Protein backbone atom coordinates (compact mmCIF):
# COMPACT_ATOMS: atom_id res chain seq x y z
CA MET A 1 -28.20 -28.01 -8.02
CA SER A 2 -30.20 -24.87 -8.73
CA ALA A 3 -28.50 -21.51 -9.31
CA HIS A 4 -30.23 -20.08 -6.32
CA ALA A 5 -28.77 -22.83 -4.20
CA LEU A 6 -25.28 -22.37 -5.68
CA ASP A 7 -25.48 -18.75 -4.86
CA ARG A 8 -26.49 -19.69 -1.35
CA ASP A 9 -23.58 -22.11 -0.96
CA LEU A 10 -20.95 -19.44 -2.17
CA ALA A 11 -22.45 -16.69 -0.09
CA GLU A 12 -22.11 -19.01 2.97
CA LEU A 13 -18.43 -19.90 1.89
CA ALA A 14 -17.65 -16.27 1.76
CA ALA A 15 -19.04 -15.45 5.09
CA SER A 16 -17.05 -18.42 6.42
CA ALA A 17 -13.93 -17.58 4.39
CA ARG A 18 -14.21 -13.98 5.52
CA ALA A 19 -14.50 -14.81 9.01
CA ALA A 20 -11.34 -17.05 8.79
CA LEU A 21 -9.15 -14.12 7.19
CA VAL A 22 -10.38 -11.61 10.05
CA ARG A 23 -9.21 -14.46 12.65
CA GLU A 24 -5.83 -14.79 10.75
CA ILE A 25 -5.15 -11.07 10.76
CA ASP A 26 -6.36 -10.88 14.57
CA ALA A 27 -3.77 -13.30 15.21
CA SER A 28 -1.06 -11.45 13.53
CA GLY A 29 -1.61 -8.53 15.73
CA ALA A 30 -1.96 -6.29 12.84
CA TRP A 31 -4.80 -3.82 14.21
CA ALA A 32 -3.76 -4.27 18.06
CA ALA A 33 -3.35 -0.67 18.44
CA ASP A 34 -6.76 0.01 16.94
CA PRO A 35 -9.03 -3.28 16.98
CA VAL A 36 -12.06 -1.24 15.59
CA TRP A 37 -10.49 -2.01 12.25
CA ARG A 38 -11.62 -5.60 12.91
CA GLU A 39 -15.40 -4.67 12.24
CA ALA A 40 -14.50 -3.03 8.94
CA PHE A 41 -12.75 -6.39 7.80
CA GLU A 42 -15.67 -8.40 9.09
CA ALA A 43 -18.15 -6.20 7.29
CA VAL A 44 -16.59 -5.77 3.77
CA PRO A 45 -16.65 -8.45 1.38
CA ARG A 46 -13.32 -8.65 -0.48
CA HIS A 47 -14.54 -11.08 -3.08
CA LEU A 48 -16.61 -8.42 -4.53
CA PHE A 49 -13.56 -6.35 -5.44
CA VAL A 50 -11.65 -9.26 -7.24
CA PRO A 51 -14.18 -10.63 -9.66
CA TYR A 52 -11.11 -12.10 -11.26
CA TYR A 53 -7.20 -12.40 -10.43
CA TYR A 54 -4.20 -13.77 -11.60
CA VAL A 55 -1.97 -16.70 -9.79
CA GLY A 56 1.40 -17.43 -10.83
CA VAL A 57 1.84 -20.86 -12.64
CA MET A 58 4.74 -22.64 -14.25
CA GLY A 59 5.28 -20.47 -17.41
CA GLY A 60 3.17 -17.47 -16.45
CA TYR A 61 -0.25 -16.81 -15.00
CA GLU A 62 -3.55 -18.39 -14.51
CA ARG A 63 -6.78 -16.41 -14.34
CA ARG A 64 -9.38 -17.25 -11.67
CA TRP A 65 -12.90 -15.93 -12.35
CA GLY A 66 -15.88 -15.67 -10.26
CA GLU A 67 -18.25 -16.17 -13.05
CA SER A 68 -16.87 -19.31 -14.33
CA ARG A 69 -19.37 -22.14 -14.94
CA ASP A 70 -17.38 -24.71 -13.23
CA PRO A 71 -18.48 -24.65 -9.42
CA ARG A 72 -15.14 -26.07 -8.37
CA THR A 73 -13.23 -23.08 -10.16
CA ARG A 74 -15.67 -20.62 -8.65
CA GLU A 75 -15.00 -22.13 -5.16
CA LYS A 76 -11.20 -21.96 -5.67
CA TRP A 77 -11.52 -18.42 -6.92
CA LEU A 78 -13.65 -17.61 -3.52
CA ARG A 79 -11.19 -19.13 -1.33
CA GLY A 80 -8.44 -17.33 -3.09
CA ALA A 81 -10.21 -14.18 -2.77
CA TYR A 82 -9.88 -14.47 1.37
CA ALA A 83 -6.44 -15.68 1.59
CA ASP A 84 -4.00 -13.53 3.34
CA VAL A 85 -1.86 -12.95 0.14
CA PRO A 86 -1.74 -10.04 -2.30
CA LEU A 87 -3.90 -10.58 -5.55
CA ALA A 88 -2.67 -9.55 -9.01
CA THR A 89 -5.56 -8.02 -10.64
CA ARG A 90 -4.40 -6.47 -13.75
CA LEU A 91 -1.42 -7.46 -16.00
CA ARG A 92 -0.06 -5.73 -19.25
CA ASP A 93 2.30 -7.53 -21.45
CA GLY A 94 2.94 -9.89 -18.68
CA GLU A 95 4.10 -6.92 -16.16
CA LEU A 96 1.95 -6.34 -12.94
CA VAL A 97 0.19 -2.94 -12.98
CA SER A 98 -2.28 -3.29 -10.26
CA SER A 99 -2.97 -5.62 -7.44
CA SER A 100 -5.06 -6.03 -4.15
CA SER A 101 -2.62 -5.85 -1.21
CA GLN A 102 -2.13 -8.60 1.41
CA PRO A 103 -5.04 -7.83 3.91
CA SER A 104 -2.77 -8.28 6.99
CA LEU A 105 -0.49 -5.44 5.46
CA MET A 106 -3.55 -3.35 4.65
CA ALA A 107 -4.75 -3.89 8.39
CA MET A 108 -1.49 -2.79 9.46
CA MET A 109 -1.14 0.22 7.23
CA LEU A 110 -4.66 1.32 8.33
CA THR A 111 -4.17 1.04 11.92
CA GLU A 112 -0.79 2.97 11.35
CA LEU A 113 -2.71 5.74 9.58
CA ARG A 114 -4.24 6.58 13.13
CA VAL A 115 -7.56 7.88 11.57
CA ARG A 116 -9.98 9.74 13.79
CA PRO A 117 -13.65 10.33 13.44
CA GLY A 118 -14.27 13.05 11.03
CA ASP A 119 -10.92 12.79 9.27
CA ARG A 120 -10.70 13.50 5.69
CA VAL A 121 -8.49 10.80 3.77
CA LEU A 122 -6.98 10.58 0.47
CA GLU A 123 -5.92 7.33 -0.89
CA ILE A 124 -3.17 7.37 -3.85
CA GLY A 125 -3.60 4.26 -5.78
CA ALA A 126 -7.34 3.09 -6.14
CA GLY A 127 -6.60 -0.42 -6.88
CA THR A 128 -9.77 -2.55 -6.70
CA GLY A 129 -11.22 -0.18 -4.53
CA TYR A 130 -11.23 -2.49 -1.21
CA ASN A 131 -9.05 -0.17 0.76
CA ALA A 132 -11.27 2.61 0.19
CA ALA A 133 -14.26 0.71 1.23
CA LEU A 134 -12.58 -0.31 4.52
CA LEU A 135 -11.95 3.58 5.04
CA ALA A 136 -15.46 4.53 4.15
CA HIS A 137 -16.83 1.89 6.46
CA ARG A 138 -14.65 2.83 9.36
CA LEU A 139 -15.14 6.65 8.91
CA GLY A 140 -18.93 6.04 8.38
CA ASP A 141 -19.13 8.89 5.68
CA ASP A 142 -18.34 8.34 1.88
CA ASP A 143 -17.59 11.95 1.26
CA LEU A 144 -14.57 11.82 3.66
CA VAL A 145 -12.72 9.26 1.66
CA THR A 146 -11.14 10.22 -1.77
CA THR A 147 -9.51 7.71 -3.75
CA VAL A 148 -7.29 8.44 -7.05
CA ASP A 149 -5.63 6.30 -9.77
CA LEU A 150 -4.16 7.38 -13.21
CA GLU A 151 -5.89 4.85 -15.43
CA PRO A 152 -9.58 4.94 -16.37
CA GLU A 153 -10.15 1.45 -16.57
CA ILE A 154 -9.05 0.94 -12.95
CA THR A 155 -11.12 3.50 -11.46
CA GLU A 156 -14.08 2.63 -13.45
CA ALA A 157 -13.83 -1.03 -12.10
CA ALA A 158 -13.15 0.34 -8.60
CA ARG A 159 -16.49 2.48 -8.71
CA GLY A 160 -18.21 -0.55 -9.92
CA HIS A 161 -16.96 -2.77 -7.05
CA LEU A 162 -17.63 0.09 -4.46
CA ALA A 163 -21.19 0.26 -5.56
CA ALA A 164 -21.56 -3.38 -5.57
CA ALA A 165 -20.63 -3.52 -1.85
CA GLY A 166 -22.63 -0.47 -0.99
CA TYR A 167 -19.78 2.04 -0.76
CA HIS A 168 -19.68 5.42 -2.73
CA PRO A 169 -16.37 7.25 -1.92
CA VAL A 170 -15.14 9.94 -4.48
CA VAL A 171 -13.19 8.00 -7.07
CA VAL A 172 -10.94 10.47 -9.21
CA THR A 173 -8.86 9.59 -12.33
CA GLY A 174 -5.69 11.41 -12.32
CA ASP A 175 -1.75 11.28 -11.58
CA GLY A 176 -1.66 10.55 -7.83
CA ALA A 177 1.66 12.37 -7.49
CA ARG A 178 -0.21 15.56 -7.80
CA GLY A 179 -3.03 14.48 -5.21
CA VAL A 180 -6.38 15.82 -5.46
CA PRO A 181 -6.35 19.49 -4.71
CA GLU A 182 -10.06 19.89 -5.42
CA ARG A 183 -11.00 17.60 -2.62
CA ALA A 184 -8.31 19.20 -0.04
CA PRO A 185 -7.63 19.75 2.79
CA PHE A 186 -6.89 16.20 3.83
CA ASP A 187 -6.00 14.78 7.41
CA ARG A 188 -4.35 11.62 6.31
CA ILE A 189 -2.91 10.24 3.14
CA ILE A 190 -2.31 6.64 2.71
CA VAL A 191 -0.50 5.49 -0.37
CA THR A 192 -0.67 1.66 -1.90
CA CYS A 193 2.15 2.21 -4.49
CA THR A 194 5.68 3.10 -4.01
CA LEU A 195 7.68 6.27 -5.02
CA PRO A 196 11.20 7.50 -5.28
CA SER A 197 10.48 10.57 -3.19
CA VAL A 198 7.38 12.37 -1.48
CA PRO A 199 5.70 14.86 -3.75
CA VAL A 200 5.54 18.20 -2.17
CA ALA A 201 2.11 18.70 -3.73
CA TRP A 202 0.65 16.21 -0.91
CA LEU A 203 1.74 18.46 1.79
CA ALA A 204 0.24 21.39 0.49
CA GLN A 205 -3.03 19.38 0.25
CA CYS A 206 -2.67 18.51 3.98
CA ARG A 207 -3.98 20.32 7.25
CA PRO A 208 -1.16 20.93 9.76
CA GLY A 209 -0.70 17.93 11.79
CA ALA A 210 -1.68 15.57 9.06
CA ARG A 211 -0.22 12.12 8.54
CA ILE A 212 1.00 10.64 5.35
CA LEU A 213 1.94 6.93 5.31
CA THR A 214 3.61 5.73 2.12
CA PRO A 215 5.81 3.04 0.63
CA LEU A 216 9.32 4.35 -0.14
CA GLY A 217 12.25 1.97 -1.07
CA THR A 218 11.14 -1.44 0.67
CA GLY A 219 9.71 0.33 3.66
CA LEU A 220 6.85 2.35 5.03
CA ILE A 221 7.58 5.94 5.97
CA ALA A 222 4.97 7.71 8.36
CA LEU A 223 5.39 11.42 8.04
CA THR A 224 4.02 14.20 10.19
CA VAL A 225 3.08 17.39 7.99
CA GLN A 226 4.14 20.57 9.68
CA ASP A 227 2.93 22.89 6.85
CA ALA A 228 2.67 23.11 3.21
CA GLY A 229 6.43 22.74 2.69
CA HIS A 230 7.62 20.57 5.61
CA ALA A 231 7.21 17.22 6.85
CA GLU A 232 9.21 14.56 8.90
CA GLY A 233 8.83 11.17 10.03
CA ARG A 234 10.44 7.67 10.59
CA PHE A 235 9.97 4.47 8.89
CA LEU A 236 7.87 1.61 10.31
CA PRO A 237 9.74 -1.73 11.05
CA THR A 238 7.77 -3.58 8.61
CA PRO A 239 9.27 -4.29 5.04
CA ALA A 240 6.80 -3.60 2.30
CA TYR A 241 7.02 -4.26 -1.51
CA PHE A 242 4.33 -2.34 -3.97
CA VAL A 243 4.11 -1.45 -7.57
CA PRO A 244 5.39 1.72 -8.44
CA LEU A 245 3.09 4.76 -8.91
CA ARG A 246 2.21 5.25 -12.48
CA GLY A 247 2.78 8.42 -13.81
CA ALA A 248 5.49 9.78 -11.16
CA GLU A 249 8.89 10.28 -12.35
CA ARG A 250 10.88 7.09 -12.06
CA HIS A 251 14.27 7.23 -10.46
CA GLU A 252 15.79 3.92 -10.72
CA ARG A 253 19.44 2.95 -10.30
CA GLY A 254 19.20 0.02 -12.42
CA PHE A 255 21.23 -3.12 -11.77
CA VAL A 256 23.80 -2.40 -8.83
CA GLU A 257 26.88 -4.65 -9.02
CA LEU A 258 27.46 -6.05 -5.40
CA GLY A 259 30.69 -7.71 -6.08
CA GLY A 260 32.89 -7.75 -2.89
CA VAL A 261 29.99 -7.39 -0.79
CA PRO A 262 29.61 -10.17 1.51
CA ARG A 263 26.89 -12.69 0.92
CA ARG A 264 25.29 -12.07 4.37
CA ALA A 265 24.85 -8.49 3.46
CA ARG A 266 23.74 -9.00 -0.18
CA GLU A 267 20.92 -11.36 1.20
CA SER A 268 19.82 -8.79 3.89
CA GLU A 269 16.76 -6.84 3.44
CA LEU A 270 18.24 -4.26 5.69
CA TYR A 271 21.24 -3.81 3.84
CA ARG A 272 19.32 -3.51 0.60
CA PHE A 273 16.96 -0.99 2.36
CA LEU A 274 19.91 0.89 3.00
CA LEU A 275 21.28 0.79 -0.51
CA ALA A 276 17.68 2.06 -1.86
CA LEU A 277 17.60 5.17 0.37
CA SER A 278 21.27 6.05 -0.22
CA ARG A 279 21.09 5.38 -4.13
CA ASP A 280 22.97 8.30 -5.47
CA SER A 281 25.14 8.99 -2.58
CA LEU A 282 26.90 5.71 -1.60
CA GLU A 283 28.49 2.82 -3.51
CA PRO A 284 27.44 -0.65 -2.37
CA HIS A 285 30.88 -1.07 -0.49
CA GLU A 286 30.42 2.27 1.23
CA ALA A 287 26.86 1.33 2.33
CA TYR A 288 28.18 -1.98 3.53
CA ALA A 289 30.91 -0.30 5.57
CA LEU A 290 28.12 1.99 6.98
CA TRP A 291 25.68 -0.77 7.74
CA GLU A 292 28.35 -2.87 9.44
CA ARG A 293 29.73 0.20 11.54
CA GLU A 294 26.12 0.98 12.75
CA GLY A 295 25.25 -2.61 13.69
CA GLU A 296 23.00 -3.46 10.88
CA PRO A 297 20.45 -0.68 11.51
CA SER A 298 16.70 -1.59 11.77
CA ARG A 299 14.09 0.32 9.61
CA GLU A 300 12.92 2.44 12.30
CA ARG A 301 16.32 3.93 12.59
CA TYR A 302 15.80 5.67 9.35
CA GLY A 303 13.68 8.57 8.37
CA ILE A 304 12.79 11.31 5.81
CA THR A 305 12.61 15.20 6.26
CA VAL A 306 10.92 17.14 3.47
CA ALA A 307 11.78 21.04 3.66
CA GLY A 308 10.62 23.05 0.75
CA GLU A 309 12.49 21.87 -2.46
CA ARG A 310 14.81 19.50 -0.37
CA GLU A 311 14.12 15.91 0.59
CA TRP A 312 16.54 13.69 2.26
CA ALA A 313 16.60 10.21 3.98
CA TRP A 314 18.77 9.94 7.37
CA LEU A 315 19.95 7.58 9.91
CA ASP A 316 19.11 8.43 13.47
CA SER A 317 18.92 12.15 13.19
CA PRO A 318 17.89 14.45 10.19
CA GLU A 319 20.92 16.53 10.93
CA GLY A 320 23.15 13.72 10.13
CA PRO A 321 26.02 12.67 10.00
CA TYR A 322 24.36 10.14 7.84
CA ALA A 323 21.92 11.74 5.30
CA TRP A 324 21.24 11.34 1.65
CA PRO A 325 19.20 13.45 -0.74
CA LEU A 326 16.08 11.86 -2.40
CA ARG A 327 15.61 14.67 -4.89
């Protein structure tokens, strides 16, 4: 088979696999509140953003590469690129440092971002560039989208992927925790890595009424910005697990001894979510007592308030009685 025929076959397979992914996301209801996102996922070719990725195998990772000489390996790579799963794209000393998020989760987050025509959007965590491409396609103007990542090799690769797909948003190399003040003000900020708290610098780069959607703990918080020093919002019901933001101050509790906590709680995502939010305020048995007393509260009962230098998580109400400082 000629190289041209092989390319044609792969292009047909990519189109078919992308259509199947769109149907799968559609069935999940991820963009039900804003089905216009379907058009972006139909148009943007994910495989151009993951020329290689890693899959877990016994004893480590296996690299799948789109330039392999083996046509069966290339086909496996292409099918994997359109699976509704996160893809590990960069490893360092066996540790995951960058990935392409699960497409249905991306669709849900983009829908929850609630973009409007003309919005200026900042993405914290450029990754492969795929999310920035979806935003640029939806907004129809590359200049409205800015994406930032700390590592030059990541931003350089993202620029290349974006150009190959025909998109040219602004890609910045820098510390995402500091935002991108030279591109402000923003109407929306979307974050694709987790942090221990919300940087005040982001608020100062937002217009009043702006929306910030960011992972925190094992959840997704949607904040409405009031002004440069104030924001508030509740968590979405969906659990979310992202790699930490590189460059941000780490606030890790380390190993937490859960002895004495019933197994039902230890295995509950919602208990562990409360444990993460109240990390320096409640001991595990105290968190368990609260969790039980309040009827195993769901994520959307929790929220976060940022007021100047203070930031705290809360259950049901910012005024308490259940509130825990985040910094």
